[in-house]
Amino acid sequence: MALIDRPDNTHGRIAAVGMFDGVHDGHRSLFETLSAHGRRLGLKPAAVTFRSHPRTLTSGSNMAMLSTLDEKLRLIEAEGVDVILLDFDEDLRMMPAGKFMAMLARDYGVEAMVIGFNNRFGHDRPDFIEAYGELGKKCGIKVFAADEFKCGSVSKVSSSAIRSLLGDGRVEEAACLLGRPYVIEGSVVHGKELGRKLGFPTANIEPLCHGILVPANGVYAVRVALADGSVWPGMLNIGHRPTVDGDDAPRSIEVHIIGFDGDIYGTLVAVEFVAFLRHEQAFPSLEALKEQLAADARRTVAAVG
């Protein structure tokens, strides 16, 4: 599939607009609808998205993201959908929906659009699908509505809902909405190596993207994909290590890779969150901490398989 980061109207396209952060099951359902209409109309499906979250400009603060830009592009393209990548600048922020649609028609060959049940765009943010349909008539764009996607008992599948679940450490529920486990990619950096003294050496992980969402503090069962392609079970701690460092220590991410013994400093790893094991806590002694770590390792192996 193609990445389109400059005007290109050489193909007729059908488009959907969104941030598509995390590319969750709701997004994939939208892309299926987009592709189905595209096949029927003879148009190439395309996702119109942005390099940075619009709220970064509108609110002046960064939002924790579920995926890096590169990861988002890979996930969208894996769905067989082209990506039209735009910079969300002040001009785009102030552009009303009708003018935005006319720009897509003129510069990117968009002849039809699919709009999700809760999708709104444009500075004026029309409230109803019928309003987008009327605007589309003025610039030659047909507008189709996408049905609401539901996952089990969850009435609304959204990136915001997934962020909330991860912020509470509920990684298994987040995985249900994402359609896959949540993943953080990072580089292995040097730490204090206190885990090695306890018999549980850890790799300290620095996320590749500082704006990526890090789940709530606690201990998790994870899978760790190493740079050589191998995948290992791991128990990962997010937090301040109160038993050895105190509650005021900087927040860290460290993982004990079960069964692995090697030097991976400076390499890239991908951590896949499988299950939440327990909250971070202070133990009365290092011996008590070692006993708990052994129990965590057994639970990790059972959870990861």
C-alpha atoms as a PDB file:
ATOM      1  CA  MET A   1       0.000   0.000   0.000  1.00  0.00           C
ATOM      2  CA  ALA A   2       1.055   3.602  -0.559  1.00  0.00           C
ATOM      3  CA  LEU A   3       2.048   6.392   1.798  1.00  0.00           C
ATOM      4  CA  ILE A   4       0.881   9.697   0.312  1.00  0.00           C
ATOM      5  CA  ASP A   5       2.433  12.721   1.997  1.00  0.00           C
ATOM      6  CA  ARG A   6       1.932  15.270  -0.774  1.00  0.00           C
ATOM      7  CA  PRO A   7      -0.953  16.083  -3.127  1.00  0.00           C
ATOM      8  CA  ASP A   8      -1.707  13.236  -5.546  1.00  0.00           C
ATOM      9  CA  ASN A   9      -4.972  13.039  -7.459  1.00  0.00           C
ATOM     10  CA  THR A  10      -3.859  10.451 -10.016  1.00  0.00           C
ATOM     11  CA  HIS A  11      -6.285   7.893  -8.503  1.00  0.00           C
ATOM     12  CA  GLY A  12      -9.914   8.084  -7.506  1.00  0.00           C
ATOM     13  CA  ARG A  13     -10.105   7.409  -3.761  1.00  0.00           C
ATOM     14  CA  ILE A  14     -12.563   6.715  -0.990  1.00  0.00           C
ATOM     15  CA  ALA A  15     -11.341   8.043   2.346  1.00  0.00           C
ATOM     16  CA  ALA A  16     -11.930   7.948   6.075  1.00  0.00           C
ATOM     17  CA  VAL A  17     -10.523  10.648   8.353  1.00  0.00           C
ATOM     18  CA  GLY A  18      -9.131  10.083  11.840  1.00  0.00           C
ATOM     19  CA  MET A  19      -6.139   9.966  14.122  1.00  0.00           C
ATOM     20  CA  PHE A  20      -6.370   6.155  14.182  1.00  0.00           C
ATOM     21  CA  ASP A  21      -4.160   5.985  17.262  1.00  0.00           C
ATOM     22  CA  GLY A  22      -3.423   2.354  18.115  1.00  0.00           C
ATOM     23  CA  VAL A  23      -5.368   1.094  15.055  1.00  0.00           C
ATOM     24  CA  HIS A  24      -7.837  -0.842  17.211  1.00  0.00           C
ATOM     25  CA  ASP A  25     -10.663  -3.187  16.216  1.00  0.00           C
ATOM     26  CA  GLY A  26     -13.058  -0.271  15.698  1.00  0.00           C
ATOM     27  CA  HIS A  27     -10.652   1.237  13.174  1.00  0.00           C
ATOM     28  CA  ARG A  28     -10.253  -2.095  11.409  1.00  0.00           C
ATOM     29  CA  SER A  29     -14.024  -2.440  11.148  1.00  0.00           C
ATOM     30  CA  LEU A  30     -14.126   1.043   9.570  1.00  0.00           C
ATOM     31  CA  PHE A  31     -11.394   0.046   7.103  1.00  0.00           C
ATOM     32  CA  GLU A  32     -13.375  -3.058   6.121  1.00  0.00           C
ATOM     33  CA  THR A  33     -16.385  -0.858   5.338  1.00  0.00           C
ATOM     34  CA  LEU A  34     -14.107   1.570   3.475  1.00  0.00           C
ATOM     35  CA  SER A  35     -12.613  -1.208   1.347  1.00  0.00           C
ATOM     36  CA  ALA A  36     -16.004  -2.772   0.619  1.00  0.00           C
ATOM     37  CA  HIS A  37     -17.369   0.530  -0.725  1.00  0.00           C
ATOM     38  CA  GLY A  38     -14.100   1.052  -2.600  1.00  0.00           C
ATOM     39  CA  ARG A  39     -14.422  -2.284  -4.413  1.00  0.00           C
ATOM     40  CA  ARG A  40     -18.020  -1.534  -5.343  1.00  0.00           C
ATOM     41  CA  LEU A  41     -17.201   1.961  -6.634  1.00  0.00           C
ATOM     42  CA  GLY A  42     -13.818   1.178  -8.180  1.00  0.00           C
ATOM     43  CA  LEU A  43     -12.012   3.556  -5.787  1.00  0.00           C
ATOM     44  CA  LYS A  44      -8.809   3.040  -3.812  1.00  0.00           C
ATOM     45  CA  PRO A  45      -9.360   3.070  -0.013  1.00  0.00           C
ATOM     46  CA  ALA A  46      -7.312   5.609   1.923  1.00  0.00           C
ATOM     47  CA  ALA A  47      -7.025   6.644   5.567  1.00  0.00           C
ATOM     48  CA  VAL A  48      -6.504  10.387   6.068  1.00  0.00           C
ATOM     49  CA  THR A  49      -4.496  10.898   9.244  1.00  0.00           C
ATOM     50  CA  PHE A  50      -2.046  13.282  10.897  1.00  0.00           C
ATOM     51  CA  ARG A  51       1.588  13.277  11.990  1.00  0.00           C
ATOM     52  CA  SER A  52       0.712  14.571  15.456  1.00  0.00           C
ATOM     53  CA  HIS A  53      -2.502  14.513  17.468  1.00  0.00           C
ATOM     54  CA  PRO A  54      -4.711  17.567  16.798  1.00  0.00           C
ATOM     55  CA  ARG A  55      -5.090  18.093  20.549  1.00  0.00           C
ATOM     56  CA  THR A  56      -1.367  18.884  20.724  1.00  0.00           C
ATOM     57  CA  LEU A  57      -2.128  22.065  18.798  1.00  0.00           C
ATOM     58  CA  THR A  58      -5.603  22.811  20.165  1.00  0.00           C
ATOM     59  CA  SER A  59      -4.775  22.302  23.853  1.00  0.00           C
ATOM     60  CA  GLY A  60      -1.042  23.002  23.845  1.00  0.00           C
ATOM     61  CA  SER A  61      -0.273  19.736  25.660  1.00  0.00           C
ATOM     62  CA  ASN A  62       0.944  16.389  24.413  1.00  0.00           C
ATOM     63  CA  MET A  63      -1.324  13.364  24.595  1.00  0.00           C
ATOM     64  CA  ALA A  64       0.034   9.944  25.521  1.00  0.00           C
ATOM     65  CA  MET A  65      -0.228   7.849  22.372  1.00  0.00           C
ATOM     66  CA  LEU A  66      -0.984   4.161  21.849  1.00  0.00           C
ATOM     67  CA  SER A  67       1.301   3.869  18.840  1.00  0.00           C
ATOM     68  CA  THR A  68       4.231   5.653  17.281  1.00  0.00           C
ATOM     69  CA  LEU A  69       3.689   7.202  13.870  1.00  0.00           C
ATOM     70  CA  ASP A  70       5.706   4.449  12.165  1.00  0.00           C
ATOM     71  CA  GLU A  71       3.750   1.733  13.974  1.00  0.00           C
ATOM     72  CA  LYS A  72       0.435   3.348  13.050  1.00  0.00           C
ATOM     73  CA  LEU A  73       1.421   3.532   9.391  1.00  0.00           C
ATOM     74  CA  ARG A  74       2.457  -0.132   9.383  1.00  0.00           C
ATOM     75  CA  LEU A  75      -0.806  -1.218  11.012  1.00  0.00           C
ATOM     76  CA  ILE A  76      -2.977   0.779   8.613  1.00  0.00           C
ATOM     77  CA  GLU A  77      -1.113  -0.402   5.547  1.00  0.00           C
ATOM     78  CA  ALA A  78      -1.444  -3.989   6.797  1.00  0.00           C
ATOM     79  CA  GLU A  79      -5.211  -3.526   6.363  1.00  0.00           C
ATOM     80  CA  GLY A  80      -4.734  -2.897   2.636  1.00  0.00           C
ATOM     81  CA  VAL A  81      -5.445   0.815   2.940  1.00  0.00           C
ATOM     82  CA  ASP A  82      -3.378   3.698   1.574  1.00  0.00           C
ATOM     83  CA  VAL A  83      -2.395   6.466   4.001  1.00  0.00           C
ATOM     84  CA  ILE A  84      -2.792  10.158   3.241  1.00  0.00           C
ATOM     85  CA  LEU A  85      -0.548  11.794   5.849  1.00  0.00           C
ATOM     86  CA  LEU A  86      -1.174  15.437   6.697  1.00  0.00           C
ATOM     87  CA  ASP A  87       0.442  17.955   9.026  1.00  0.00           C
ATOM     88  CA  PHE A  88      -2.145  19.292  11.466  1.00  0.00           C
ATOM     89  CA  ASP A  89      -1.159  22.947  11.472  1.00  0.00           C
ATOM     90  CA  GLU A  90      -3.046  26.140  12.289  1.00  0.00           C
ATOM     91  CA  ASP A  91      -4.452  26.448   8.755  1.00  0.00           C
ATOM     92  CA  LEU A  92      -5.875  22.936   8.935  1.00  0.00           C
ATOM     93  CA  ARG A  93      -7.209  23.515  12.443  1.00  0.00           C
ATOM     94  CA  MET A  94      -9.227  26.513  11.258  1.00  0.00           C
ATOM     95  CA  MET A  95     -10.505  24.834   8.087  1.00  0.00           C
ATOM     96  CA  PRO A  96     -14.257  24.096   8.103  1.00  0.00           C
ATOM     97  CA  ALA A  97     -15.429  20.627   7.135  1.00  0.00           C
ATOM     98  CA  GLY A  98     -16.682  21.655   3.693  1.00  0.00           C
ATOM     99  CA  LYS A  99     -13.396  23.289   2.732  1.00  0.00           C
ATOM    100  CA  PHE A 100     -11.465  20.293   4.084  1.00  0.00           C
ATOM    101  CA  MET A 101     -13.565  17.914   1.975  1.00  0.00           C
ATOM    102  CA  ALA A 102     -13.089  20.099  -1.103  1.00  0.00           C
ATOM    103  CA  MET A 103      -9.316  20.023  -0.508  1.00  0.00           C
ATOM    104  CA  LEU A 104      -9.356  16.208  -0.328  1.00  0.00           C
ATOM    105  CA  ALA A 105     -11.314  16.055  -3.581  1.00  0.00           C
ATOM    106  CA  ARG A 106      -9.028  18.505  -5.379  1.00  0.00           C
ATOM    107  CA  ASP A 107      -5.616  17.443  -4.082  1.00  0.00           C
ATOM    108  CA  TYR A 108      -6.067  13.718  -3.391  1.00  0.00           C
ATOM    109  CA  GLY A 109      -8.762  12.542  -5.791  1.00  0.00           C
ATOM    110  CA  VAL A 110     -11.246  11.729  -3.036  1.00  0.00           C
ATOM    111  CA  GLU A 111     -14.619  10.938  -4.608  1.00  0.00           C
ATOM    112  CA  ALA A 112     -16.278   9.277  -1.606  1.00  0.00           C
ATOM    113  CA  MET A 113     -15.904   9.180   2.173  1.00  0.00           C
ATOM    114  CA  VAL A 114     -16.908   6.838   4.980  1.00  0.00           C
ATOM    115  CA  ILE A 115     -17.669   8.531   8.285  1.00  0.00           C
ATOM    116  CA  GLY A 116     -17.831   6.628  11.569  1.00  0.00           C
ATOM    117  CA  PHE A 117     -20.787   6.948  13.910  1.00  0.00           C
ATOM    118  CA  ASN A 118     -18.875   9.270  16.276  1.00  0.00           C
ATOM    119  CA  ASN A 119     -16.425  10.764  13.773  1.00  0.00           C
ATOM    120  CA  ARG A 120     -16.386  14.546  13.444  1.00  0.00           C
ATOM    121  CA  PHE A 121     -13.905  16.735  11.607  1.00  0.00           C
ATOM    122  CA  GLY A 122     -13.500  20.331  10.487  1.00  0.00           C
ATOM    123  CA  HIS A 123     -13.313  23.469  12.574  1.00  0.00           C
ATOM    124  CA  ASP A 124     -17.123  23.639  12.585  1.00  0.00           C
ATOM    125  CA  ARG A 125     -17.493  19.913  13.403  1.00  0.00           C
ATOM    126  CA  PRO A 126     -20.981  19.252  11.948  1.00  0.00           C
ATOM    127  CA  ASP A 127     -23.043  17.054  14.266  1.00  0.00           C
ATOM    128  CA  PHE A 128     -24.846  14.781  11.822  1.00  0.00           C
ATOM    129  CA  ILE A 129     -23.873  12.507   8.955  1.00  0.00           C
ATOM    130  CA  GLU A 130     -26.502  14.263   6.807  1.00  0.00           C
ATOM    131  CA  ALA A 131     -24.565  17.532   7.160  1.00  0.00           C
ATOM    132  CA  TYR A 132     -21.411  15.905   5.749  1.00  0.00           C
ATOM    133  CA  GLY A 133     -23.512  14.470   2.940  1.00  0.00           C
ATOM    134  CA  GLU A 134     -24.740  17.934   1.974  1.00  0.00           C
ATOM    135  CA  LEU A 135     -21.208  19.326   2.098  1.00  0.00           C
ATOM    136  CA  GLY A 136     -20.008  16.434  -0.029  1.00  0.00           C
ATOM    137  CA  LYS A 137     -22.537  17.184  -2.759  1.00  0.00           C
ATOM    138  CA  LYS A 138     -20.945  20.598  -3.233  1.00  0.00           C
ATOM    139  CA  CYS A 139     -17.526  19.125  -4.051  1.00  0.00           C
ATOM    140  CA  GLY A 140     -18.487  15.850  -5.692  1.00  0.00           C
ATOM    141  CA  ILE A 141     -17.951  13.534  -2.710  1.00  0.00           C
ATOM    142  CA  LYS A 142     -20.407  10.771  -1.846  1.00  0.00           C
ATOM    143  CA  VAL A 143     -20.712  10.189   1.900  1.00  0.00           C
ATOM    144  CA  PHE A 144     -21.430   6.843   3.546  1.00  0.00           C
ATOM    145  CA  ALA A 145     -22.003   6.115   7.219  1.00  0.00           C
ATOM    146  CA  ALA A 146     -20.172   3.294   9.019  1.00  0.00           C
ATOM    147  CA  ASP A 147     -22.017   1.248  11.618  1.00  0.00           C
ATOM    148  CA  GLU A 148     -20.968   1.467  15.251  1.00  0.00           C
ATOM    149  CA  PHE A 149     -18.512  -1.268  16.202  1.00  0.00           C
ATOM    150  CA  LYS A 150     -19.009  -3.034  19.526  1.00  0.00           C
ATOM    151  CA  CYS A 151     -16.737  -5.462  21.351  1.00  0.00           C
ATOM    152  CA  GLY A 152     -18.651  -7.758  23.695  1.00  0.00           C
ATOM    153  CA  SER A 153     -20.254  -5.739  26.481  1.00  0.00           C
ATOM    154  CA  VAL A 154     -18.264  -2.585  25.636  1.00  0.00           C
ATOM    155  CA  SER A 155     -20.632  -0.097  24.027  1.00  0.00           C
ATOM    156  CA  LYS A 156     -17.924   2.148  22.596  1.00  0.00           C
ATOM    157  CA  VAL A 157     -14.547   1.045  21.272  1.00  0.00           C
ATOM    158  CA  SER A 158     -12.218   4.045  21.151  1.00  0.00           C
ATOM    159  CA  SER A 159      -8.601   5.026  21.632  1.00  0.00           C
ATOM    160  CA  SER A 160      -9.667   7.032  24.684  1.00  0.00           C
ATOM    161  CA  ALA A 161     -11.257   3.954  26.276  1.00  0.00           C
ATOM    162  CA  ILE A 162      -8.078   1.965  25.651  1.00  0.00           C
ATOM    163  CA  ARG A 163      -5.932   4.709  27.185  1.00  0.00           C
ATOM    164  CA  SER A 164      -8.154   4.658  30.263  1.00  0.00           C
ATOM    165  CA  LEU A 165      -7.847   0.878  30.626  1.00  0.00           C
ATOM    166  CA  LEU A 166      -4.067   0.949  30.278  1.00  0.00           C
ATOM    167  CA  GLY A 167      -3.901   3.830  32.757  1.00  0.00           C
ATOM    168  CA  ASP A 168      -5.587   1.492  35.245  1.00  0.00           C
ATOM    169  CA  GLY A 169      -3.298  -1.437  34.396  1.00  0.00           C
ATOM    170  CA  ARG A 170      -6.148  -3.384  32.781  1.00  0.00           C
ATOM    171  CA  VAL A 171      -4.004  -4.643  29.911  1.00  0.00           C
ATOM    172  CA  GLU A 172      -6.107  -7.721  29.133  1.00  0.00           C
ATOM    173  CA  GLU A 173      -9.249  -5.633  28.634  1.00  0.00           C
ATOM    174  CA  ALA A 174      -7.267  -3.150  26.555  1.00  0.00           C
ATOM    175  CA  ALA A 175      -6.069  -6.030  24.367  1.00  0.00           C
ATOM    176  CA  CYS A 176      -9.699  -7.015  23.705  1.00  0.00           C
ATOM    177  CA  LEU A 177     -10.423  -3.548  22.291  1.00  0.00           C
ATOM    178  CA  LEU A 178      -7.137  -3.293  20.418  1.00  0.00           C
ATOM    179  CA  GLY A 179      -7.526  -6.748  18.921  1.00  0.00           C
ATOM    180  CA  ARG A 180      -3.991  -7.584  20.076  1.00  0.00           C
ATOM    181  CA  PRO A 181      -1.815  -7.089  23.180  1.00  0.00           C
ATOM    182  CA  TYR A 182      -0.497  -3.601  23.828  1.00  0.00           C
ATOM    183  CA  VAL A 183       3.174  -3.209  22.865  1.00  0.00           C
ATOM    184  CA  ILE A 184       5.924  -0.779  23.836  1.00  0.00           C
ATOM    185  CA  GLU A 185       9.152  -0.681  21.853  1.00  0.00           C
ATOM    186  CA  GLY A 186      12.304   0.561  23.504  1.00  0.00           C
ATOM    187  CA  SER A 187      16.052   0.359  23.848  1.00  0.00           C
ATOM    188  CA  VAL A 188      17.823  -1.486  26.651  1.00  0.00           C
ATOM    189  CA  VAL A 189      19.813   0.941  28.810  1.00  0.00           C
ATOM    190  CA  HIS A 190      22.058   0.530  31.844  1.00  0.00           C
ATOM    191  CA  GLY A 191      20.460   0.666  35.287  1.00  0.00           C
ATOM    192  CA  LYS A 192      21.707   0.046  38.822  1.00  0.00           C
ATOM    193  CA  GLU A 193      21.825  -3.748  38.238  1.00  0.00           C
ATOM    194  CA  LEU A 194      20.186  -4.386  41.624  1.00  0.00           C
ATOM    195  CA  GLY A 195      18.061  -7.151  40.122  1.00  0.00           C
ATOM    196  CA  ARG A 196      21.158  -9.194  39.351  1.00  0.00           C
ATOM    197  CA  LYS A 197      22.093  -9.151  43.040  1.00  0.00           C
ATOM    198  CA  LEU A 198      18.635 -10.528  43.859  1.00  0.00           C
ATOM    199  CA  GLY A 199      18.952 -13.333  41.323  1.00  0.00           C
ATOM    200  CA  PHE A 200      16.531 -11.672  38.907  1.00  0.00           C
ATOM    201  CA  PRO A 201      18.606  -9.581  36.475  1.00  0.00           C
ATOM    202  CA  THR A 202      16.545  -6.989  34.645  1.00  0.00           C
ATOM    203  CA  ALA A 203      16.791  -5.021  31.425  1.00  0.00           C
ATOM    204  CA  ASN A 204      15.926  -1.358  31.860  1.00  0.00           C
ATOM    205  CA  ILE A 205      13.840  -0.157  28.929  1.00  0.00           C
ATOM    206  CA  GLU A 206      13.692   3.365  27.576  1.00  0.00           C
ATOM    207  CA  PRO A 207      10.706   3.754  25.196  1.00  0.00           C
ATOM    208  CA  LEU A 208      11.645   4.796  21.665  1.00  0.00           C
ATOM    209  CA  CYS A 209       8.888   7.396  21.731  1.00  0.00           C
ATOM    210  CA  HIS A 210       8.719   9.575  24.841  1.00  0.00           C
ATOM    211  CA  GLY A 211       5.090  10.352  24.072  1.00  0.00           C
ATOM    212  CA  ILE A 212       4.003   6.707  24.168  1.00  0.00           C
ATOM    213  CA  LEU A 213       1.548   5.662  26.873  1.00  0.00           C
ATOM    214  CA  VAL A 214       3.131   3.639  29.680  1.00  0.00           C
ATOM    215  CA  PRO A 215       0.576   1.538  31.616  1.00  0.00           C
ATOM    216  CA  ALA A 216      -0.061   1.999  35.331  1.00  0.00           C
ATOM    217  CA  ASN A 217       2.618   1.165  37.880  1.00  0.00           C
ATOM    218  CA  GLY A 218       2.719  -2.503  38.752  1.00  0.00           C
ATOM    219  CA  VAL A 219       4.074  -5.900  37.783  1.00  0.00           C
ATOM    220  CA  TYR A 220       3.038  -7.475  34.485  1.00  0.00           C
ATOM    221  CA  ALA A 221       3.461 -10.751  32.649  1.00  0.00           C
ATOM    222  CA  VAL A 222       4.866  -9.886  29.226  1.00  0.00           C
ATOM    223  CA  ARG A 223       6.426 -11.329  26.104  1.00  0.00           C
ATOM    224  CA  VAL A 224       9.747  -9.793  25.103  1.00  0.00           C
ATOM    225  CA  ALA A 225      10.797  -9.836  21.453  1.00  0.00           C
ATOM    226  CA  LEU A 226      14.548  -9.378  21.123  1.00  0.00           C
ATOM    227  CA  ALA A 227      16.467  -7.913  18.206  1.00  0.00           C
ATOM    228  CA  ASP A 228      17.434 -11.409  17.003  1.00  0.00           C
ATOM    229  CA  GLY A 229      13.765 -12.314  16.540  1.00  0.00           C
ATOM    230  CA  SER A 230      13.487 -14.583  19.571  1.00  0.00           C
ATOM    231  CA  VAL A 231      10.567 -14.152  21.973  1.00  0.00           C
ATOM    232  CA  TRP A 232      10.819 -14.801  25.726  1.00  0.00           C
ATOM    233  CA  PRO A 233       8.496 -14.672  28.727  1.00  0.00           C
ATOM    234  CA  GLY A 234       9.214 -11.810  31.075  1.00  0.00           C
ATOM    235  CA  MET A 235       7.969 -10.191  34.254  1.00  0.00           C
ATOM    236  CA  LEU A 236       8.040  -6.441  33.978  1.00  0.00           C
ATOM    237  CA  ASN A 237       7.901  -3.795  36.673  1.00  0.00           C
ATOM    238  CA  ILE A 238       6.752  -0.235  36.078  1.00  0.00           C
ATOM    239  CA  GLY A 239       7.249   2.137  38.954  1.00  0.00           C
ATOM    240  CA  HIS A 240       9.667   3.398  41.588  1.00  0.00           C
ATOM    241  CA  ARG A 241      11.042   0.148  43.134  1.00  0.00           C
ATOM    242  CA  PRO A 242      10.111   1.234  46.677  1.00  0.00           C
ATOM    243  CA  THR A 243      11.878  -1.658  48.437  1.00  0.00           C
ATOM    244  CA  VAL A 244      15.308  -0.765  47.039  1.00  0.00           C
ATOM    245  CA  ASP A 245      14.963   2.863  45.905  1.00  0.00           C
ATOM    246  CA  GLY A 246      12.124   4.426  47.885  1.00  0.00           C
ATOM    247  CA  ASP A 247       8.907   6.024  46.700  1.00  0.00           C
ATOM    248  CA  ASP A 248      10.625   9.171  45.424  1.00  0.00           C
ATOM    249  CA  ALA A 249      12.819   7.390  42.863  1.00  0.00           C
ATOM    250  CA  PRO A 250      12.257   8.168  39.155  1.00  0.00           C
ATOM    251  CA  ARG A 251       9.725   5.965  37.406  1.00  0.00           C
ATOM    252  CA  SER A 252      11.349   3.142  35.480  1.00  0.00           C
ATOM    253  CA  ILE A 253      10.466   0.200  33.243  1.00  0.00           C
ATOM    254  CA  GLU A 254      12.480  -2.953  33.813  1.00  0.00           C
ATOM    255  CA  VAL A 255      11.919  -6.531  32.756  1.00  0.00           C
ATOM    256  CA  HIS A 256      13.348  -9.839  33.946  1.00  0.00           C
ATOM    257  CA  ILE A 257      13.504 -12.069  30.866  1.00  0.00           C
ATOM    258  CA  ILE A 258      12.866 -15.581  32.130  1.00  0.00           C
ATOM    259  CA  GLY A 259      15.356 -18.170  30.859  1.00  0.00           C
ATOM    260  CA  PHE A 260      17.500 -15.661  28.989  1.00  0.00           C
ATOM    261  CA  ASP A 261      21.144 -14.972  29.796  1.00  0.00           C
ATOM    262  CA  GLY A 262      22.891 -12.604  27.431  1.00  0.00           C
ATOM    263  CA  ASP A 263      24.058  -9.047  26.816  1.00  0.00           C
ATOM    264  CA  ILE A 264      21.371  -6.975  25.097  1.00  0.00           C
ATOM    265  CA  TYR A 265      22.460  -3.490  26.180  1.00  0.00           C
ATOM    266  CA  GLY A 266      21.915  -0.974  23.397  1.00  0.00           C
ATOM    267  CA  THR A 267      19.559  -3.223  21.442  1.00  0.00           C
ATOM    268  CA  LEU A 268      15.876  -2.723  20.665  1.00  0.00           C
ATOM    269  CA  VAL A 269      13.167  -4.833  22.250  1.00  0.00           C
ATOM    270  CA  ALA A 270       9.376  -4.968  21.982  1.00  0.00           C
ATOM    271  CA  VAL A 271       7.387  -5.691  25.133  1.00  0.00           C
ATOM    272  CA  GLU A 272       3.918  -7.196  24.715  1.00  0.00           C
ATOM    273  CA  PHE A 273       1.692  -6.839  27.773  1.00  0.00           C
ATOM    274  CA  VAL A 274      -0.128 -10.099  28.542  1.00  0.00           C
ATOM    275  CA  ALA A 275      -1.518  -9.780  32.083  1.00  0.00           C
ATOM    276  CA  PHE A 276      -1.424  -7.596  35.181  1.00  0.00           C
ATOM    277  CA  LEU A 277       0.055  -9.533  38.122  1.00  0.00           C
ATOM    278  CA  ARG A 278       0.021  -7.163  41.085  1.00  0.00           C
ATOM    279  CA  HIS A 279       0.488  -3.605  42.263  1.00  0.00           C
ATOM    280  CA  GLU A 280       3.962  -2.358  43.088  1.00  0.00           C
ATOM    281  CA  GLN A 281       4.634  -2.482  46.829  1.00  0.00           C
ATOM    282  CA  ALA A 282       7.393  -2.105  49.406  1.00  0.00           C
ATOM    283  CA  PHE A 283       8.569  -5.311  51.115  1.00  0.00           C
ATOM    284  CA  PRO A 284       9.978  -5.530  54.637  1.00  0.00           C
ATOM    285  CA  SER A 285      13.216  -7.135  53.452  1.00  0.00           C
ATOM    286  CA  LEU A 286      15.109  -8.115  50.324  1.00  0.00           C
ATOM    287  CA  GLU A 287      14.435 -11.763  51.160  1.00  0.00           C
ATOM    288  CA  ALA A 288      10.694 -11.113  51.124  1.00  0.00           C
ATOM    289  CA  LEU A 289      11.094  -9.333  47.787  1.00  0.00           C
ATOM    290  CA  LYS A 290      13.008 -12.331  46.352  1.00  0.00           C
ATOM    291  CA  GLU A 291      10.225 -14.690  47.442  1.00  0.00           C
ATOM    292  CA  GLN A 292       7.640 -12.494  45.761  1.00  0.00           C
ATOM    293  CA  LEU A 293       9.715 -12.272  42.562  1.00  0.00           C
ATOM    294  CA  ALA A 294       9.909 -16.064  42.436  1.00  0.00           C
ATOM    295  CA  ALA A 295       6.118 -16.231  42.753  1.00  0.00           C
ATOM    296  CA  ASP A 296       5.764 -13.563  40.046  1.00  0.00           C
ATOM    297  CA  ALA A 297       7.981 -15.604  37.731  1.00  0.00           C
ATOM    298  CA  ARG A 298       5.812 -18.704  38.173  1.00  0.00           C
ATOM    299  CA  ARG A 299       2.649 -16.734  37.465  1.00  0.00           C
ATOM    300  CA  THR A 300       4.305 -15.153  34.414  1.00  0.00           C
ATOM    301  CA  VAL A 301       5.192 -18.500  32.883  1.00  0.00           C
ATOM    302  CA  ALA A 302       1.622 -19.702  33.443  1.00  0.00           C
ATOM    303  CA  ALA A 303       0.145 -16.544  31.891  1.00  0.00           C
ATOM    304  CA  VAL A 304       2.450 -16.266  28.894  1.00  0.00           C
ATOM    305  CA  GLY A 305       2.566 -19.981  28.100  1.00  0.00           C
END
